N, C-alpha and C. Protein backbone atom coordinates (compact mmCIF):
# COMPACT_ATOMS: atom_id res chain seq x y z
N MET A 1 20.61 12.49 26.40
CA MET A 1 21.15 12.87 27.70
C MET A 1 21.45 14.38 27.71
N THR A 2 21.19 15.02 28.83
CA THR A 2 21.52 16.43 28.95
C THR A 2 22.96 16.56 29.39
N GLU A 3 23.49 17.81 29.29
CA GLU A 3 24.86 18.05 29.68
C GLU A 3 25.06 17.80 31.17
N SER A 4 24.01 18.02 31.96
CA SER A 4 24.13 17.84 33.40
C SER A 4 24.04 16.38 33.82
N THR A 5 23.50 15.55 32.94
CA THR A 5 23.38 14.12 33.26
C THR A 5 23.97 13.30 32.11
N PRO A 6 25.29 13.18 32.08
CA PRO A 6 25.92 12.40 31.00
C PRO A 6 25.49 10.95 31.06
N ALA A 7 25.55 10.30 29.91
CA ALA A 7 25.14 8.91 29.82
C ALA A 7 26.05 8.02 30.65
N THR A 8 25.47 6.99 31.24
CA THR A 8 26.24 5.98 31.95
C THR A 8 26.62 4.87 30.97
N ALA A 9 27.54 4.02 31.40
CA ALA A 9 27.93 2.88 30.56
C ALA A 9 26.72 2.00 30.28
N GLU A 10 25.85 1.82 31.28
CA GLU A 10 24.67 0.98 31.11
C GLU A 10 23.72 1.57 30.08
N GLN A 11 23.54 2.90 30.10
CA GLN A 11 22.64 3.55 29.14
C GLN A 11 23.18 3.46 27.72
N ILE A 12 24.49 3.65 27.58
CA ILE A 12 25.12 3.54 26.26
C ILE A 12 24.98 2.12 25.74
N ALA A 13 25.26 1.15 26.61
CA ALA A 13 25.14 -0.25 26.21
C ALA A 13 23.71 -0.58 25.79
N ALA A 14 22.73 -0.02 26.50
CA ALA A 14 21.32 -0.29 26.18
C ALA A 14 20.97 0.25 24.81
N GLN A 15 21.44 1.47 24.49
CA GLN A 15 21.13 2.05 23.18
C GLN A 15 21.82 1.30 22.05
N LEU A 16 23.06 0.89 22.28
CA LEU A 16 23.78 0.12 21.26
C LEU A 16 23.12 -1.25 21.07
N THR A 17 22.73 -1.87 22.17
CA THR A 17 22.07 -3.17 22.10
C THR A 17 20.79 -3.08 21.28
N GLU A 18 20.00 -2.05 21.55
CA GLU A 18 18.75 -1.86 20.81
C GLU A 18 19.02 -1.69 19.32
N ALA A 19 20.06 -0.92 18.98
CA ALA A 19 20.39 -0.69 17.58
C ALA A 19 20.82 -1.98 16.89
N VAL A 20 21.53 -2.85 17.62
CA VAL A 20 21.94 -4.14 17.05
C VAL A 20 20.73 -5.04 16.88
N HIS A 21 19.90 -5.16 17.91
CA HIS A 21 18.74 -6.04 17.86
C HIS A 21 17.75 -5.60 16.79
N GLU A 22 17.66 -4.30 16.54
CA GLU A 22 16.73 -3.81 15.54
C GLU A 22 17.38 -3.72 14.16
N HIS A 23 18.62 -4.22 14.06
CA HIS A 23 19.34 -4.30 12.78
C HIS A 23 19.66 -2.93 12.19
N ARG A 24 19.70 -1.91 13.04
CA ARG A 24 20.20 -0.61 12.57
C ARG A 24 21.71 -0.61 12.54
N LEU A 25 22.33 -1.39 13.42
CA LEU A 25 23.76 -1.67 13.36
C LEU A 25 23.91 -3.10 12.89
N GLN A 26 24.50 -3.28 11.72
CA GLN A 26 24.57 -4.59 11.09
C GLN A 26 25.80 -5.37 11.57
N PRO A 27 25.74 -6.71 11.50
CA PRO A 27 26.92 -7.51 11.82
C PRO A 27 28.12 -7.08 10.99
N GLY A 28 29.26 -6.96 11.66
CA GLY A 28 30.48 -6.51 11.00
C GLY A 28 30.74 -5.03 11.11
N ALA A 29 29.73 -4.25 11.53
CA ALA A 29 29.91 -2.80 11.65
C ALA A 29 30.92 -2.48 12.75
N LYS A 30 31.81 -1.52 12.49
CA LYS A 30 32.82 -1.12 13.47
C LYS A 30 32.29 -0.01 14.35
N LEU A 31 32.56 -0.12 15.66
CA LEU A 31 32.21 0.92 16.61
C LEU A 31 33.50 1.58 17.09
N ARG A 32 33.75 2.79 16.61
CA ARG A 32 34.96 3.51 17.00
C ARG A 32 34.76 4.18 18.34
N GLU A 33 35.70 3.95 19.24
CA GLU A 33 35.58 4.53 20.59
C GLU A 33 35.43 6.04 20.55
N ASP A 34 36.24 6.72 19.72
CA ASP A 34 36.18 8.18 19.71
C ASP A 34 34.83 8.69 19.22
N GLU A 35 34.23 7.97 18.27
CA GLU A 35 32.92 8.38 17.78
C GLU A 35 31.85 8.19 18.84
N VAL A 36 31.89 7.07 19.55
CA VAL A 36 30.92 6.82 20.62
C VAL A 36 31.09 7.87 21.72
N CYS A 37 32.36 8.19 22.05
CA CYS A 37 32.63 9.24 23.06
C CYS A 37 32.01 10.56 22.64
N GLU A 38 32.18 10.92 21.38
CA GLU A 38 31.68 12.21 20.89
C GLU A 38 30.16 12.24 20.90
N ILE A 39 29.53 11.15 20.48
CA ILE A 39 28.07 11.11 20.41
C ILE A 39 27.45 11.26 21.79
N PHE A 40 28.01 10.58 22.78
CA PHE A 40 27.41 10.58 24.11
C PHE A 40 28.06 11.57 25.07
N GLY A 41 29.16 12.19 24.64
CA GLY A 41 29.81 13.17 25.50
C GLY A 41 30.38 12.59 26.77
N VAL A 42 31.00 11.41 26.64
CA VAL A 42 31.57 10.74 27.82
C VAL A 42 33.01 10.36 27.54
N SER A 43 33.68 9.88 28.57
CA SER A 43 35.09 9.50 28.46
C SER A 43 35.24 8.13 27.81
N ARG A 44 36.47 7.84 27.39
CA ARG A 44 36.76 6.52 26.83
C ARG A 44 36.55 5.42 27.87
N THR A 45 36.79 5.73 29.13
CA THR A 45 36.59 4.73 30.18
C THR A 45 35.15 4.25 30.21
N ILE A 46 34.21 5.20 30.14
CA ILE A 46 32.78 4.85 30.15
C ILE A 46 32.43 4.05 28.91
N VAL A 47 32.94 4.49 27.76
CA VAL A 47 32.63 3.80 26.50
C VAL A 47 33.17 2.38 26.53
N ARG A 48 34.39 2.22 27.04
CA ARG A 48 34.98 0.87 27.09
C ARG A 48 34.18 -0.05 27.99
N GLN A 49 33.64 0.49 29.10
CA GLN A 49 32.79 -0.33 29.97
C GLN A 49 31.55 -0.80 29.20
N ALA A 50 30.96 0.13 28.43
CA ALA A 50 29.76 -0.22 27.66
C ALA A 50 30.08 -1.28 26.61
N LEU A 51 31.19 -1.10 25.90
CA LEU A 51 31.56 -2.04 24.84
C LEU A 51 31.89 -3.41 25.41
N ARG A 52 32.56 -3.43 26.57
CA ARG A 52 32.89 -4.72 27.18
C ARG A 52 31.63 -5.48 27.60
N SER A 53 30.61 -4.75 28.06
CA SER A 53 29.38 -5.42 28.46
C SER A 53 28.68 -6.03 27.25
N LEU A 54 28.76 -5.37 26.08
CA LEU A 54 28.18 -5.94 24.87
C LEU A 54 28.99 -7.12 24.37
N GLU A 55 30.30 -7.07 24.60
CA GLU A 55 31.13 -8.22 24.24
C GLU A 55 30.73 -9.43 25.09
N PHE A 56 30.49 -9.20 26.37
CA PHE A 56 30.08 -10.28 27.27
C PHE A 56 28.77 -10.90 26.82
N GLU A 57 27.86 -10.06 26.28
CA GLU A 57 26.56 -10.56 25.81
C GLU A 57 26.66 -11.23 24.45
N GLY A 58 27.84 -11.17 23.83
CA GLY A 58 28.02 -11.80 22.53
C GLY A 58 27.63 -10.94 21.35
N LEU A 59 27.31 -9.67 21.61
CA LEU A 59 26.88 -8.78 20.53
C LEU A 59 28.06 -8.09 19.85
N LEU A 60 29.17 -7.94 20.55
CA LEU A 60 30.36 -7.31 19.98
C LEU A 60 31.55 -8.26 20.04
N THR A 61 32.46 -8.06 19.09
CA THR A 61 33.75 -8.73 19.12
C THR A 61 34.81 -7.64 19.21
N ILE A 62 35.65 -7.68 20.23
CA ILE A 62 36.69 -6.68 20.40
C ILE A 62 38.03 -7.32 20.04
N GLU A 63 38.68 -6.77 19.02
CA GLU A 63 39.93 -7.32 18.52
C GLU A 63 41.08 -6.37 18.87
N LYS A 64 42.15 -6.92 19.39
CA LYS A 64 43.31 -6.13 19.78
C LYS A 64 43.86 -5.37 18.58
N ASN A 65 44.10 -4.08 18.79
CA ASN A 65 44.66 -3.18 17.77
C ASN A 65 43.74 -2.93 16.58
N ARG A 66 42.51 -3.46 16.64
CA ARG A 66 41.56 -3.22 15.54
C ARG A 66 40.29 -2.54 16.01
N GLY A 67 39.85 -2.83 17.22
CA GLY A 67 38.67 -2.18 17.75
C GLY A 67 37.50 -3.11 17.95
N ALA A 68 36.32 -2.51 18.10
CA ALA A 68 35.09 -3.26 18.40
C ALA A 68 34.22 -3.35 17.15
N PHE A 69 33.68 -4.54 16.94
CA PHE A 69 32.82 -4.78 15.78
C PHE A 69 31.56 -5.51 16.24
N VAL A 70 30.43 -5.19 15.60
CA VAL A 70 29.23 -5.97 15.85
C VAL A 70 29.52 -7.40 15.41
N SER A 71 29.25 -8.34 16.30
CA SER A 71 29.59 -9.74 16.02
C SER A 71 28.95 -10.22 14.73
N LYS A 72 29.69 -11.05 14.03
CA LYS A 72 29.24 -11.55 12.73
C LYS A 72 29.30 -13.08 12.76
N PRO A 73 28.21 -13.73 13.14
CA PRO A 73 28.23 -15.18 13.27
C PRO A 73 28.61 -15.88 11.97
N THR A 74 29.41 -16.92 12.09
CA THR A 74 29.76 -17.73 10.93
C THR A 74 28.59 -18.66 10.61
N LEU A 75 28.68 -19.32 9.46
CA LEU A 75 27.65 -20.30 9.10
C LEU A 75 27.57 -21.41 10.15
N LYS A 76 28.73 -21.84 10.64
CA LYS A 76 28.75 -22.89 11.67
C LYS A 76 28.04 -22.42 12.93
N GLU A 77 28.30 -21.17 13.33
CA GLU A 77 27.65 -20.62 14.52
C GLU A 77 26.15 -20.50 14.31
N ALA A 78 25.75 -20.12 13.09
CA ALA A 78 24.32 -20.00 12.78
C ALA A 78 23.62 -21.33 12.99
N HIS A 79 24.22 -22.41 12.48
CA HIS A 79 23.64 -23.74 12.68
C HIS A 79 23.56 -24.07 14.17
N GLU A 80 24.64 -23.80 14.90
CA GLU A 80 24.71 -24.18 16.31
C GLU A 80 23.68 -23.42 17.14
N VAL A 81 23.48 -22.13 16.83
CA VAL A 81 22.52 -21.33 17.58
C VAL A 81 21.12 -21.93 17.47
N PHE A 82 20.71 -22.29 16.27
CA PHE A 82 19.36 -22.82 16.11
C PHE A 82 19.26 -24.26 16.60
N GLN A 83 20.34 -25.01 16.53
CA GLN A 83 20.33 -26.34 17.14
C GLN A 83 20.12 -26.24 18.64
N ALA A 84 20.81 -25.28 19.27
CA ALA A 84 20.68 -25.10 20.72
C ALA A 84 19.27 -24.66 21.08
N ARG A 85 18.71 -23.74 20.30
CA ARG A 85 17.34 -23.30 20.58
C ARG A 85 16.35 -24.45 20.42
N ALA A 86 16.58 -25.28 19.41
CA ALA A 86 15.68 -26.42 19.18
C ALA A 86 15.74 -27.43 20.32
N LEU A 87 16.88 -27.50 21.01
CA LEU A 87 17.01 -28.40 22.16
C LEU A 87 16.31 -27.84 23.40
N LEU A 88 16.37 -26.52 23.57
CA LEU A 88 15.89 -25.91 24.81
C LEU A 88 14.42 -25.47 24.77
N GLU A 89 14.03 -24.83 23.69
CA GLU A 89 12.75 -24.11 23.71
C GLU A 89 11.50 -24.98 23.67
N PRO A 90 11.49 -26.12 22.96
CA PRO A 90 10.25 -26.91 23.00
C PRO A 90 9.87 -27.35 24.42
N SER A 91 10.82 -27.83 25.21
CA SER A 91 10.49 -28.24 26.58
C SER A 91 10.12 -27.04 27.43
N THR A 92 10.72 -25.89 27.13
CA THR A 92 10.36 -24.67 27.85
C THR A 92 8.93 -24.26 27.54
N ALA A 93 8.53 -24.41 26.28
CA ALA A 93 7.15 -24.10 25.90
C ALA A 93 6.17 -25.03 26.62
N ARG A 94 6.53 -26.30 26.74
CA ARG A 94 5.69 -27.25 27.47
C ARG A 94 5.53 -26.81 28.93
N ALA A 95 6.65 -26.46 29.56
CA ALA A 95 6.60 -26.04 30.96
C ALA A 95 5.78 -24.77 31.12
N ALA A 96 5.91 -23.85 30.18
CA ALA A 96 5.15 -22.59 30.24
C ALA A 96 3.66 -22.87 30.13
N ALA A 97 3.28 -23.81 29.25
CA ALA A 97 1.87 -24.14 29.08
C ALA A 97 1.28 -24.70 30.37
N GLU A 98 2.08 -25.39 31.13
CA GLU A 98 1.61 -25.99 32.38
C GLU A 98 1.51 -24.97 33.52
N ARG A 99 2.15 -23.81 33.35
CA ARG A 99 2.19 -22.82 34.43
C ARG A 99 1.46 -21.53 34.12
N ALA A 100 1.21 -21.24 32.85
CA ALA A 100 0.71 -19.92 32.44
C ALA A 100 -0.62 -19.59 33.10
N ASN A 101 -0.72 -18.34 33.58
CA ASN A 101 -1.99 -17.85 34.11
C ASN A 101 -2.54 -16.77 33.17
N ALA A 102 -3.67 -16.21 33.53
CA ALA A 102 -4.33 -15.24 32.66
C ALA A 102 -3.46 -14.01 32.40
N ALA A 103 -2.74 -13.56 33.42
CA ALA A 103 -1.87 -12.39 33.25
C ALA A 103 -0.74 -12.70 32.26
N ASP A 104 -0.18 -13.92 32.35
CA ASP A 104 0.87 -14.32 31.42
C ASP A 104 0.36 -14.32 29.99
N ILE A 105 -0.82 -14.89 29.79
CA ILE A 105 -1.41 -14.95 28.44
C ILE A 105 -1.64 -13.54 27.91
N GLY A 106 -2.13 -12.65 28.76
CA GLY A 106 -2.37 -11.27 28.34
C GLY A 106 -1.09 -10.59 27.91
N LEU A 107 0.00 -10.84 28.64
CA LEU A 107 1.28 -10.22 28.30
C LEU A 107 1.80 -10.74 26.96
N LEU A 108 1.66 -12.03 26.72
CA LEU A 108 2.09 -12.59 25.44
C LEU A 108 1.27 -12.02 24.29
N GLU A 109 -0.01 -11.83 24.50
CA GLU A 109 -0.86 -11.25 23.47
C GLU A 109 -0.45 -9.81 23.17
N GLN A 110 -0.04 -9.08 24.21
CA GLN A 110 0.45 -7.72 23.99
C GLN A 110 1.73 -7.73 23.15
N HIS A 111 2.60 -8.71 23.38
CA HIS A 111 3.82 -8.84 22.57
C HIS A 111 3.46 -9.04 21.09
N ILE A 112 2.47 -9.89 20.84
CA ILE A 112 2.08 -10.16 19.45
C ILE A 112 1.52 -8.89 18.81
N GLU A 113 0.69 -8.15 19.55
CA GLU A 113 0.14 -6.90 19.02
C GLU A 113 1.25 -5.91 18.69
N ALA A 114 2.25 -5.83 19.56
CA ALA A 114 3.36 -4.91 19.31
C ALA A 114 4.16 -5.35 18.08
N GLU A 115 4.35 -6.66 17.90
CA GLU A 115 5.03 -7.16 16.70
C GLU A 115 4.27 -6.75 15.45
N HIS A 116 2.95 -6.97 15.46
CA HIS A 116 2.13 -6.61 14.31
C HIS A 116 2.24 -5.13 13.99
N ALA A 117 2.19 -4.30 15.03
CA ALA A 117 2.27 -2.85 14.82
C ALA A 117 3.61 -2.47 14.21
N ALA A 118 4.69 -3.10 14.67
CA ALA A 118 6.01 -2.81 14.11
C ALA A 118 6.09 -3.22 12.65
N LEU A 119 5.54 -4.39 12.32
CA LEU A 119 5.55 -4.84 10.93
C LEU A 119 4.71 -3.93 10.04
N ASP A 120 3.57 -3.46 10.58
CA ASP A 120 2.72 -2.54 9.82
C ASP A 120 3.44 -1.24 9.53
N ARG A 121 4.36 -0.85 10.42
CA ARG A 121 5.15 0.38 10.20
C ARG A 121 6.42 0.08 9.39
N ASP A 122 6.57 -1.15 8.93
CA ASP A 122 7.74 -1.59 8.17
C ASP A 122 9.01 -1.48 9.00
N GLU A 123 8.89 -1.75 10.31
CA GLU A 123 10.03 -1.75 11.20
C GLU A 123 10.38 -3.20 11.53
N ALA A 124 10.97 -3.87 10.53
CA ALA A 124 11.22 -5.30 10.64
C ALA A 124 12.20 -5.62 11.76
N GLY A 125 13.21 -4.79 11.95
CA GLY A 125 14.19 -5.03 13.01
C GLY A 125 13.55 -4.97 14.38
N LEU A 126 12.68 -3.98 14.59
CA LEU A 126 11.98 -3.89 15.87
C LEU A 126 11.06 -5.09 16.07
N ALA A 127 10.39 -5.51 15.01
CA ALA A 127 9.51 -6.68 15.10
C ALA A 127 10.31 -7.92 15.52
N LEU A 128 11.51 -8.04 14.98
CA LEU A 128 12.36 -9.17 15.34
C LEU A 128 12.74 -9.12 16.82
N LYS A 129 13.10 -7.93 17.31
CA LYS A 129 13.43 -7.79 18.72
C LYS A 129 12.24 -8.18 19.61
N LEU A 130 11.06 -7.72 19.23
CA LEU A 130 9.86 -8.04 20.00
C LEU A 130 9.58 -9.54 19.95
N SER A 131 9.86 -10.15 18.81
CA SER A 131 9.68 -11.59 18.69
C SER A 131 10.62 -12.33 19.64
N GLY A 132 11.86 -11.87 19.72
CA GLY A 132 12.80 -12.47 20.66
C GLY A 132 12.33 -12.31 22.09
N ASP A 133 11.79 -11.13 22.41
CA ASP A 133 11.26 -10.89 23.75
C ASP A 133 10.12 -11.85 24.07
N PHE A 134 9.31 -12.16 23.05
CA PHE A 134 8.20 -13.11 23.21
C PHE A 134 8.74 -14.47 23.65
N HIS A 135 9.79 -14.93 23.01
CA HIS A 135 10.38 -16.22 23.35
C HIS A 135 10.98 -16.20 24.76
N LEU A 136 11.60 -15.09 25.12
CA LEU A 136 12.16 -14.99 26.48
C LEU A 136 11.06 -14.95 27.53
N GLU A 137 9.93 -14.36 27.17
CA GLU A 137 8.80 -14.29 28.10
C GLU A 137 8.27 -15.71 28.37
N ILE A 138 8.29 -16.56 27.36
CA ILE A 138 7.86 -17.94 27.56
C ILE A 138 8.77 -18.64 28.57
N ALA A 139 10.08 -18.40 28.46
CA ALA A 139 11.02 -18.98 29.43
C ALA A 139 10.76 -18.46 30.83
N ARG A 140 10.39 -17.17 30.94
CA ARG A 140 10.08 -16.61 32.26
C ARG A 140 8.84 -17.29 32.84
N ILE A 141 7.82 -17.46 32.01
CA ILE A 141 6.60 -18.11 32.46
C ILE A 141 6.89 -19.54 32.93
N ALA A 142 7.81 -20.21 32.21
CA ALA A 142 8.16 -21.59 32.56
C ALA A 142 8.91 -21.66 33.88
N ASP A 143 9.36 -20.51 34.39
CA ASP A 143 10.10 -20.44 35.65
C ASP A 143 11.39 -21.24 35.57
N GLN A 144 12.07 -21.07 34.42
CA GLN A 144 13.35 -21.76 34.19
C GLN A 144 14.44 -20.70 34.06
N HIS A 145 14.92 -20.22 35.20
CA HIS A 145 15.80 -19.05 35.21
C HIS A 145 17.13 -19.33 34.52
N THR A 146 17.70 -20.48 34.75
CA THR A 146 18.98 -20.80 34.12
C THR A 146 18.84 -20.90 32.61
N ILE A 147 17.80 -21.59 32.16
CA ILE A 147 17.56 -21.70 30.72
C ILE A 147 17.25 -20.34 30.12
N GLU A 148 16.53 -19.50 30.87
CA GLU A 148 16.23 -18.15 30.37
C GLU A 148 17.50 -17.37 30.09
N GLN A 149 18.51 -17.52 30.94
CA GLN A 149 19.77 -16.82 30.71
C GLN A 149 20.48 -17.35 29.48
N PHE A 150 20.48 -18.66 29.29
CA PHE A 150 21.04 -19.23 28.07
C PHE A 150 20.30 -18.70 26.84
N LEU A 151 18.98 -18.71 26.93
CA LEU A 151 18.17 -18.28 25.79
C LEU A 151 18.39 -16.81 25.46
N ARG A 152 18.64 -16.01 26.48
CA ARG A 152 18.87 -14.58 26.24
C ARG A 152 20.05 -14.40 25.29
N GLN A 153 21.11 -15.15 25.52
CA GLN A 153 22.28 -15.06 24.64
C GLN A 153 21.98 -15.67 23.27
N LEU A 154 21.25 -16.79 23.26
CA LEU A 154 20.93 -17.43 21.99
C LEU A 154 20.02 -16.56 21.13
N VAL A 155 19.06 -15.89 21.76
CA VAL A 155 18.16 -15.01 21.00
C VAL A 155 18.95 -13.82 20.43
N SER A 156 19.88 -13.29 21.22
CA SER A 156 20.73 -12.21 20.71
C SER A 156 21.52 -12.67 19.49
N ARG A 157 22.10 -13.86 19.58
CA ARG A 157 22.85 -14.40 18.45
C ARG A 157 21.93 -14.66 17.26
N SER A 158 20.71 -15.11 17.54
CA SER A 158 19.75 -15.35 16.46
C SER A 158 19.46 -14.07 15.70
N SER A 159 19.36 -12.96 16.43
CA SER A 159 19.10 -11.67 15.78
C SER A 159 20.21 -11.34 14.80
N LEU A 160 21.45 -11.60 15.20
CA LEU A 160 22.59 -11.36 14.30
C LEU A 160 22.56 -12.31 13.12
N VAL A 161 22.23 -13.57 13.38
CA VAL A 161 22.14 -14.56 12.30
C VAL A 161 21.10 -14.14 11.27
N ILE A 162 19.93 -13.72 11.74
CA ILE A 162 18.86 -13.33 10.83
C ILE A 162 19.24 -12.07 10.06
N ALA A 163 19.93 -11.14 10.73
CA ALA A 163 20.38 -9.92 10.05
C ALA A 163 21.30 -10.26 8.88
N LEU A 164 22.12 -11.29 9.05
CA LEU A 164 23.05 -11.68 7.99
C LEU A 164 22.41 -12.54 6.92
N TYR A 165 21.55 -13.46 7.34
CA TYR A 165 21.18 -14.56 6.45
C TYR A 165 19.71 -14.66 6.10
N TRP A 166 18.87 -13.71 6.56
CA TRP A 166 17.46 -13.91 6.25
C TRP A 166 17.22 -13.82 4.75
N ARG A 167 16.35 -14.70 4.28
CA ARG A 167 16.05 -14.81 2.86
C ARG A 167 14.98 -13.81 2.45
N ARG A 168 14.04 -13.55 3.32
CA ARG A 168 12.94 -12.64 3.02
C ARG A 168 12.48 -11.99 4.31
N ARG A 169 11.73 -10.91 4.20
CA ARG A 169 11.38 -10.14 5.38
C ARG A 169 10.56 -10.96 6.39
N ASN A 170 9.73 -11.88 5.89
CA ASN A 170 8.94 -12.63 6.86
C ASN A 170 9.67 -13.86 7.37
N ALA A 171 11.01 -13.83 7.30
CA ALA A 171 11.78 -14.80 8.07
C ALA A 171 11.65 -14.49 9.56
N LEU A 172 11.05 -13.36 9.86
CA LEU A 172 10.67 -13.06 11.24
C LEU A 172 9.68 -14.10 11.74
N CYS A 173 9.51 -14.15 13.04
CA CYS A 173 8.53 -15.08 13.57
C CYS A 173 7.16 -14.80 12.97
N GLU A 174 6.58 -15.81 12.35
CA GLU A 174 5.27 -15.63 11.73
C GLU A 174 4.21 -15.43 12.81
N SER A 175 3.30 -14.51 12.55
CA SER A 175 2.32 -14.16 13.57
C SER A 175 1.44 -15.34 13.95
N ASN A 176 1.07 -16.20 12.98
CA ASN A 176 0.17 -17.30 13.31
C ASN A 176 0.86 -18.31 14.24
N ALA A 177 2.17 -18.44 14.13
CA ALA A 177 2.89 -19.36 15.01
C ALA A 177 2.81 -18.89 16.45
N HIS A 178 2.99 -17.61 16.67
CA HIS A 178 2.90 -17.08 18.04
C HIS A 178 1.47 -17.18 18.57
N HIS A 179 0.49 -16.90 17.73
CA HIS A 179 -0.90 -17.04 18.17
C HIS A 179 -1.19 -18.48 18.58
N ALA A 180 -0.71 -19.44 17.77
CA ALA A 180 -0.96 -20.85 18.08
C ALA A 180 -0.30 -21.25 19.39
N LEU A 181 0.91 -20.74 19.65
CA LEU A 181 1.58 -21.04 20.90
C LEU A 181 0.80 -20.48 22.09
N VAL A 182 0.31 -19.27 21.96
CA VAL A 182 -0.46 -18.66 23.05
C VAL A 182 -1.73 -19.46 23.31
N GLU A 183 -2.38 -19.89 22.22
CA GLU A 183 -3.61 -20.68 22.38
C GLU A 183 -3.32 -22.00 23.10
N ALA A 184 -2.22 -22.65 22.74
CA ALA A 184 -1.86 -23.90 23.40
C ALA A 184 -1.59 -23.67 24.88
N MET A 185 -0.93 -22.58 25.21
CA MET A 185 -0.64 -22.29 26.62
C MET A 185 -1.91 -21.93 27.37
N GLN A 186 -2.80 -21.22 26.69
CA GLN A 186 -4.07 -20.87 27.32
C GLN A 186 -4.88 -22.13 27.64
N ASN A 187 -4.75 -23.14 26.78
CA ASN A 187 -5.46 -24.40 26.99
C ASN A 187 -4.68 -25.38 27.88
N ARG A 188 -3.52 -24.94 28.36
CA ARG A 188 -2.63 -25.79 29.17
C ARG A 188 -2.30 -27.10 28.45
N ASP A 189 -2.10 -26.97 27.15
CA ASP A 189 -1.79 -28.13 26.32
C ASP A 189 -0.28 -28.19 26.09
N GLY A 190 0.43 -28.82 27.03
CA GLY A 190 1.88 -28.87 26.96
C GLY A 190 2.39 -29.63 25.75
N ASP A 191 1.73 -30.73 25.38
CA ASP A 191 2.16 -31.51 24.22
C ASP A 191 2.13 -30.66 22.96
N ASN A 192 1.02 -29.95 22.77
CA ASN A 192 0.87 -29.13 21.57
C ASN A 192 1.85 -27.96 21.58
N ALA A 193 2.03 -27.34 22.72
CA ALA A 193 2.97 -26.21 22.82
C ALA A 193 4.37 -26.66 22.44
N GLU A 194 4.76 -27.83 22.90
CA GLU A 194 6.10 -28.35 22.58
C GLU A 194 6.24 -28.60 21.09
N GLU A 195 5.26 -29.23 20.48
CA GLU A 195 5.33 -29.51 19.04
C GLU A 195 5.28 -28.23 18.21
N LEU A 196 4.46 -27.28 18.64
CA LEU A 196 4.37 -26.01 17.92
C LEU A 196 5.70 -25.27 17.95
N MET A 197 6.38 -25.28 19.10
CA MET A 197 7.66 -24.60 19.19
C MET A 197 8.70 -25.28 18.30
N LYS A 198 8.70 -26.60 18.26
CA LYS A 198 9.62 -27.31 17.37
C LYS A 198 9.42 -26.87 15.93
N GLY A 199 8.16 -26.87 15.49
CA GLY A 199 7.86 -26.49 14.12
C GLY A 199 8.17 -25.03 13.84
N HIS A 200 7.92 -24.20 14.81
CA HIS A 200 8.15 -22.76 14.67
C HIS A 200 9.62 -22.46 14.45
N LEU A 201 10.48 -23.05 15.28
CA LEU A 201 11.92 -22.83 15.13
C LEU A 201 12.43 -23.39 13.82
N LEU A 202 11.90 -24.53 13.40
CA LEU A 202 12.30 -25.11 12.12
C LEU A 202 11.90 -24.20 10.97
N ASP A 203 10.71 -23.59 11.06
CA ASP A 203 10.26 -22.67 10.02
C ASP A 203 11.20 -21.47 9.90
N ILE A 204 11.59 -20.90 11.05
CA ILE A 204 12.50 -19.75 11.02
C ILE A 204 13.82 -20.16 10.37
N TYR A 205 14.35 -21.29 10.81
CA TYR A 205 15.64 -21.75 10.29
C TYR A 205 15.57 -22.01 8.79
N SER A 206 14.46 -22.55 8.32
CA SER A 206 14.34 -22.89 6.90
C SER A 206 14.27 -21.65 6.02
N GLN A 207 13.94 -20.50 6.61
CA GLN A 207 13.84 -19.26 5.83
C GLN A 207 15.16 -18.49 5.79
N LEU A 208 16.22 -19.06 6.37
CA LEU A 208 17.52 -18.41 6.32
C LEU A 208 18.29 -18.89 5.10
N ASP A 209 18.94 -17.95 4.45
CA ASP A 209 19.78 -18.26 3.30
C ASP A 209 21.22 -18.31 3.80
N LEU A 210 21.67 -19.49 4.17
CA LEU A 210 22.94 -19.61 4.88
C LEU A 210 24.12 -19.59 3.92
N ARG A 211 24.27 -18.43 3.31
CA ARG A 211 25.44 -18.15 2.48
C ARG A 211 26.02 -16.83 2.94
N ASN A 212 27.28 -16.60 2.63
CA ASN A 212 27.92 -15.35 3.04
C ASN A 212 27.24 -14.17 2.38
N ARG A 213 27.05 -13.11 3.14
CA ARG A 213 26.38 -11.91 2.67
C ARG A 213 27.24 -10.69 2.88
N GLU A 214 27.05 -9.70 2.04
CA GLU A 214 27.67 -8.39 2.26
C GLU A 214 26.69 -7.53 3.03
N GLU A 215 27.16 -6.95 4.11
CA GLU A 215 26.27 -6.10 4.91
C GLU A 215 26.35 -4.65 4.45
N GLY A 216 25.24 -3.94 4.64
CA GLY A 216 25.23 -2.52 4.32
C GLY A 216 25.90 -1.71 5.41
N SER A 217 26.01 -0.42 5.18
CA SER A 217 26.65 0.43 6.18
C SER A 217 25.76 1.63 6.48
N VAL A 218 25.87 2.13 7.70
CA VAL A 218 25.12 3.30 8.13
C VAL A 218 25.95 3.95 9.21
N SER A 219 25.83 5.26 9.33
CA SER A 219 26.62 5.94 10.36
C SER A 219 26.10 5.57 11.74
N LEU A 220 26.99 5.67 12.74
CA LEU A 220 26.60 5.32 14.10
C LEU A 220 25.48 6.24 14.58
N LYS A 221 25.56 7.52 14.26
CA LYS A 221 24.51 8.46 14.68
C LYS A 221 23.16 8.07 14.09
N GLU A 222 23.17 7.67 12.82
CA GLU A 222 21.92 7.25 12.19
C GLU A 222 21.39 5.98 12.84
N ALA A 223 22.29 5.05 13.14
CA ALA A 223 21.87 3.80 13.75
C ALA A 223 21.26 4.02 15.13
N LEU A 224 21.78 5.01 15.85
CA LEU A 224 21.27 5.31 17.19
C LEU A 224 20.10 6.29 17.17
N ARG A 225 19.78 6.77 15.95
CA ARG A 225 18.68 7.73 15.77
C ARG A 225 18.89 8.98 16.60
N LEU A 226 20.15 9.49 16.57
CA LEU A 226 20.49 10.68 17.33
C LEU A 226 20.69 11.86 16.39
């Protein structure tokens, strides 16, 4: 942002959200208001608006007299997030397969290409964000607006869960799973799309090491790439 156009609360929230989704800001990391103010050159009022919006999205936890922290899902929450996704997403994949048109398929293929490019650059956090976007795009294609909103929060929580508990780098969505889903949707095969999504989510969940982890630390400026 230039001095003449200071950042808005929405812009600050967007940059912080991106840093969390790409795992540059790890679960448990503290966001100090004064540091955020200094980085963006804005008032505490603007920063608090941005932080509250991330709290609403489930990405931050704001504790009285302690400050704001990137949310750190418990083991119980990790189980619940994937249980909820397993309940919602297979039927959403079926509905998407029944509705998808050529433009939808093309957009999903672009998502997969972007994931591959991120992984080739060793940007695993970005690849994970793109993978989440892929799943949200399926909900959009299914024309299930209410479920899409639920999934948006669940995918955000999943990103935090994977940041804490992933066992290996390819706990990310495997590329062949996304290709298979796209092929099923292209063929309007709702049964197969539903089963593929069930297996896909189970594969991701099985690659999580659901034990307590110590998170690394990085400065806020580094996390925001400023």
